[in-house]
Every structure is written in C-alpha cells, then in structure tokens.
Amino acid sequence: MIKWVREKHPKRLVMITECSMADNLRAELPDVEMVQPCNLCPHMKRITLAKILESLVYLREEVTVDPAVAARARRSVERMINLRN
C-alpha cells in the first residue's frame, strides 16, 4: 500500500488499515489528504516485548498457518526486507 501511495501520489486517499500506517504516510506525504476511519485493535495493544520474549523462551502460544498461506506471506515479508537492502 505504501509503495502504491508513494508512486501514484493521489490527492485524496482512504486508508482502511492499521492506524499507524496512515499516520506514517501522512507524515511522509503531507499534501495527500488522508481519510482515515481508524479503529484501534484492542488485541494489538496487548502485545508487548516482554510477552513476545516469554512466548519465545517457553515456546508458548503456538500459531499454525496453512502452508499455502505461509508461502504467500513469506514472499511479502521477503519483499519488505529486500526494500531495505
């Protein structure tokens, strides 16, 4: 989404996603009008570094993902990582 906004640079945009993504884009592209129906996810706010560490140390909270979904998600993550290289 961010790449598209940077490339197309629309005058007005509706961002229906996690709130901070629109905030980051708004800071980067102040001339793009952002319509942002932001609803914070209460579950995202429950994630902390301490809880992530505990989960990794004690191997708790296992998440299983369908292999086909994982393969597509992996491609997206790899593309994001490669943007920094």
C-alpha atoms as a PDB file:
ATOM      1  CA  MET A   1       0.000   0.000   0.000  1.00  0.00           C
ATOM      2  CA  ILE A   2       2.746   2.423   0.922  1.00  0.00           C
ATOM      3  CA  LYS A   3       4.582   1.827  -2.347  1.00  0.00           C
ATOM      4  CA  TRP A   4       1.391   2.478  -4.306  1.00  0.00           C
ATOM      5  CA  VAL A   5       0.713   5.741  -2.466  1.00  0.00           C
ATOM      6  CA  ARG A   6       4.296   6.908  -2.998  1.00  0.00           C
ATOM      7  CA  GLU A   7       4.194   6.082  -6.704  1.00  0.00           C
ATOM      8  CA  LYS A   8       0.675   7.301  -7.541  1.00  0.00           C
ATOM      9  CA  HIS A   9       0.661  10.227  -5.103  1.00  0.00           C
ATOM     10  CA  PRO A  10      -3.133  10.713  -5.139  1.00  0.00           C
ATOM     11  CA  LYS A  11      -4.698  13.952  -3.935  1.00  0.00           C
ATOM     12  CA  ARG A  12      -7.030  12.088  -1.579  1.00  0.00           C
ATOM     13  CA  LEU A  13      -6.824   8.610  -0.081  1.00  0.00           C
ATOM     14  CA  VAL A  14      -8.909   6.393   2.164  1.00  0.00           C
ATOM     15  CA  MET A  15      -6.696   4.256   4.400  1.00  0.00           C
ATOM     16  CA  ILE A  16      -8.578   1.323   5.871  1.00  0.00           C
ATOM     17  CA  THR A  17      -5.786  -0.363   7.734  1.00  0.00           C
ATOM     18  CA  GLU A  18      -3.877  -0.247  10.999  1.00  0.00           C
ATOM     19  CA  CYS A  19      -3.818   3.326  12.264  1.00  0.00           C
ATOM     20  CA  SER A  20      -0.080   3.888  12.440  1.00  0.00           C
ATOM     21  CA  MET A  21       0.377   3.094   8.733  1.00  0.00           C
ATOM     22  CA  ALA A  22      -1.800   6.048   7.772  1.00  0.00           C
ATOM     23  CA  ASP A  23      -0.043   8.220  10.369  1.00  0.00           C
ATOM     24  CA  ASN A  24       3.358   7.354   8.879  1.00  0.00           C
ATOM     25  CA  LEU A  25       2.144   8.092   5.349  1.00  0.00           C
ATOM     26  CA  ARG A  26       0.571  11.355   6.483  1.00  0.00           C
ATOM     27  CA  ALA A  27       3.930  12.440   7.931  1.00  0.00           C
ATOM     28  CA  GLU A  28       5.778  11.461   4.751  1.00  0.00           C
ATOM     29  CA  LEU A  29       3.213  12.850   2.289  1.00  0.00           C
ATOM     30  CA  PRO A  30       1.529  15.820   3.977  1.00  0.00           C
ATOM     31  CA  ASP A  31      -0.028  17.017   0.713  1.00  0.00           C
ATOM     32  CA  VAL A  32      -2.106  13.819   0.372  1.00  0.00           C
ATOM     33  CA  GLU A  33      -5.449  14.148   2.149  1.00  0.00           C
ATOM     34  CA  MET A  34      -5.951  11.044   4.289  1.00  0.00           C
ATOM     35  CA  VAL A  35      -9.454   9.881   5.155  1.00  0.00           C
ATOM     36  CA  GLN A  36      -8.744   7.501   7.962  1.00  0.00           C
ATOM     37  CA  PRO A  37     -11.588   5.627   9.672  1.00  0.00           C
ATOM     38  CA  CYS A  38      -9.226   4.474  12.407  1.00  0.00           C
ATOM     39  CA  ASN A  39     -10.358   1.849  14.875  1.00  0.00           C
ATOM     40  CA  LEU A  40      -7.567   0.647  17.101  1.00  0.00           C
ATOM     41  CA  CYS A  41      -7.422  -3.102  17.531  1.00  0.00           C
ATOM     42  CA  PRO A  42      -7.561  -3.813  21.275  1.00  0.00           C
ATOM     43  CA  HIS A  43      -5.711  -7.089  20.771  1.00  0.00           C
ATOM     44  CA  MET A  44      -2.688  -5.419  19.153  1.00  0.00           C
ATOM     45  CA  LYS A  45      -2.272  -3.253  22.246  1.00  0.00           C
ATOM     46  CA  ARG A  46      -1.945  -6.396  24.402  1.00  0.00           C
ATOM     47  CA  ILE A  47       1.263  -7.449  22.625  1.00  0.00           C
ATOM     48  CA  THR A  48       4.393  -6.382  24.495  1.00  0.00           C
ATOM     49  CA  LEU A  49       8.076  -7.156  24.084  1.00  0.00           C
ATOM     50  CA  ALA A  50       8.040  -8.965  27.431  1.00  0.00           C
ATOM     51  CA  LYS A  51       5.181 -11.216  26.274  1.00  0.00           C
ATOM     52  CA  ILE A  52       6.933 -11.933  22.973  1.00  0.00           C
ATOM     53  CA  LEU A  53      10.134 -12.858  24.820  1.00  0.00           C
ATOM     54  CA  GLU A  54       8.226 -15.121  27.229  1.00  0.00           C
ATOM     55  CA  SER A  55       6.478 -16.821  24.328  1.00  0.00           C
ATOM     56  CA  LEU A  56       9.788 -17.458  22.557  1.00  0.00           C
ATOM     57  CA  VAL A  57      11.649 -18.619  25.675  1.00  0.00           C
ATOM     58  CA  TYR A  58       8.914 -21.015  26.796  1.00  0.00           C
ATOM     59  CA  LEU A  59       7.587 -21.847  23.300  1.00  0.00           C
ATOM     60  CA  ARG A  60       4.051 -20.804  24.216  1.00  0.00           C
ATOM     61  CA  GLU A  61       1.239 -19.531  22.048  1.00  0.00           C
ATOM     62  CA  GLU A  62       1.961 -21.674  19.004  1.00  0.00           C
ATOM     63  CA  VAL A  63       0.397 -20.385  15.813  1.00  0.00           C
ATOM     64  CA  THR A  64      -0.175 -22.720  12.895  1.00  0.00           C
ATOM     65  CA  VAL A  65      -0.606 -21.392   9.384  1.00  0.00           C
ATOM     66  CA  ASP A  66      -1.751 -23.202   6.278  1.00  0.00           C
ATOM     67  CA  PRO A  67       1.383 -23.863   4.127  1.00  0.00           C
ATOM     68  CA  ALA A  68      -0.147 -22.142   1.076  1.00  0.00           C
ATOM     69  CA  VAL A  69      -0.925 -19.020   3.101  1.00  0.00           C
ATOM     70  CA  ALA A  70       2.544 -19.129   4.682  1.00  0.00           C
ATOM     71  CA  ALA A  71       4.240 -19.272   1.278  1.00  0.00           C
ATOM     72  CA  ARG A  72       2.387 -16.182   0.058  1.00  0.00           C
ATOM     73  CA  ALA A  73       3.040 -14.326   3.325  1.00  0.00           C
ATOM     74  CA  ARG A  74       6.723 -15.281   3.182  1.00  0.00           C
ATOM     75  CA  ARG A  75       7.025 -13.671  -0.272  1.00  0.00           C
ATOM     76  CA  SER A  76       5.528 -10.441   1.074  1.00  0.00           C
ATOM     77  CA  VAL A  77       7.868 -10.379   4.070  1.00  0.00           C
ATOM     78  CA  GLU A  78      10.889 -11.095   1.861  1.00  0.00           C
ATOM     79  CA  ARG A  79       9.925  -8.210  -0.434  1.00  0.00           C
ATOM     80  CA  MET A  80       9.646  -5.878   2.573  1.00  0.00           C
ATOM     81  CA  ILE A  81      13.072  -6.981   3.830  1.00  0.00           C
ATOM     82  CA  ASN A  82      14.609  -6.505   0.391  1.00  0.00           C
ATOM     83  CA  LEU A  83      13.379  -2.904   0.277  1.00  0.00           C
ATOM     84  CA  ARG A  84      15.928  -2.062   2.957  1.00  0.00           C
ATOM     85  CA  ASN A  85      18.847  -3.638   1.076  1.00  0.00           C
END
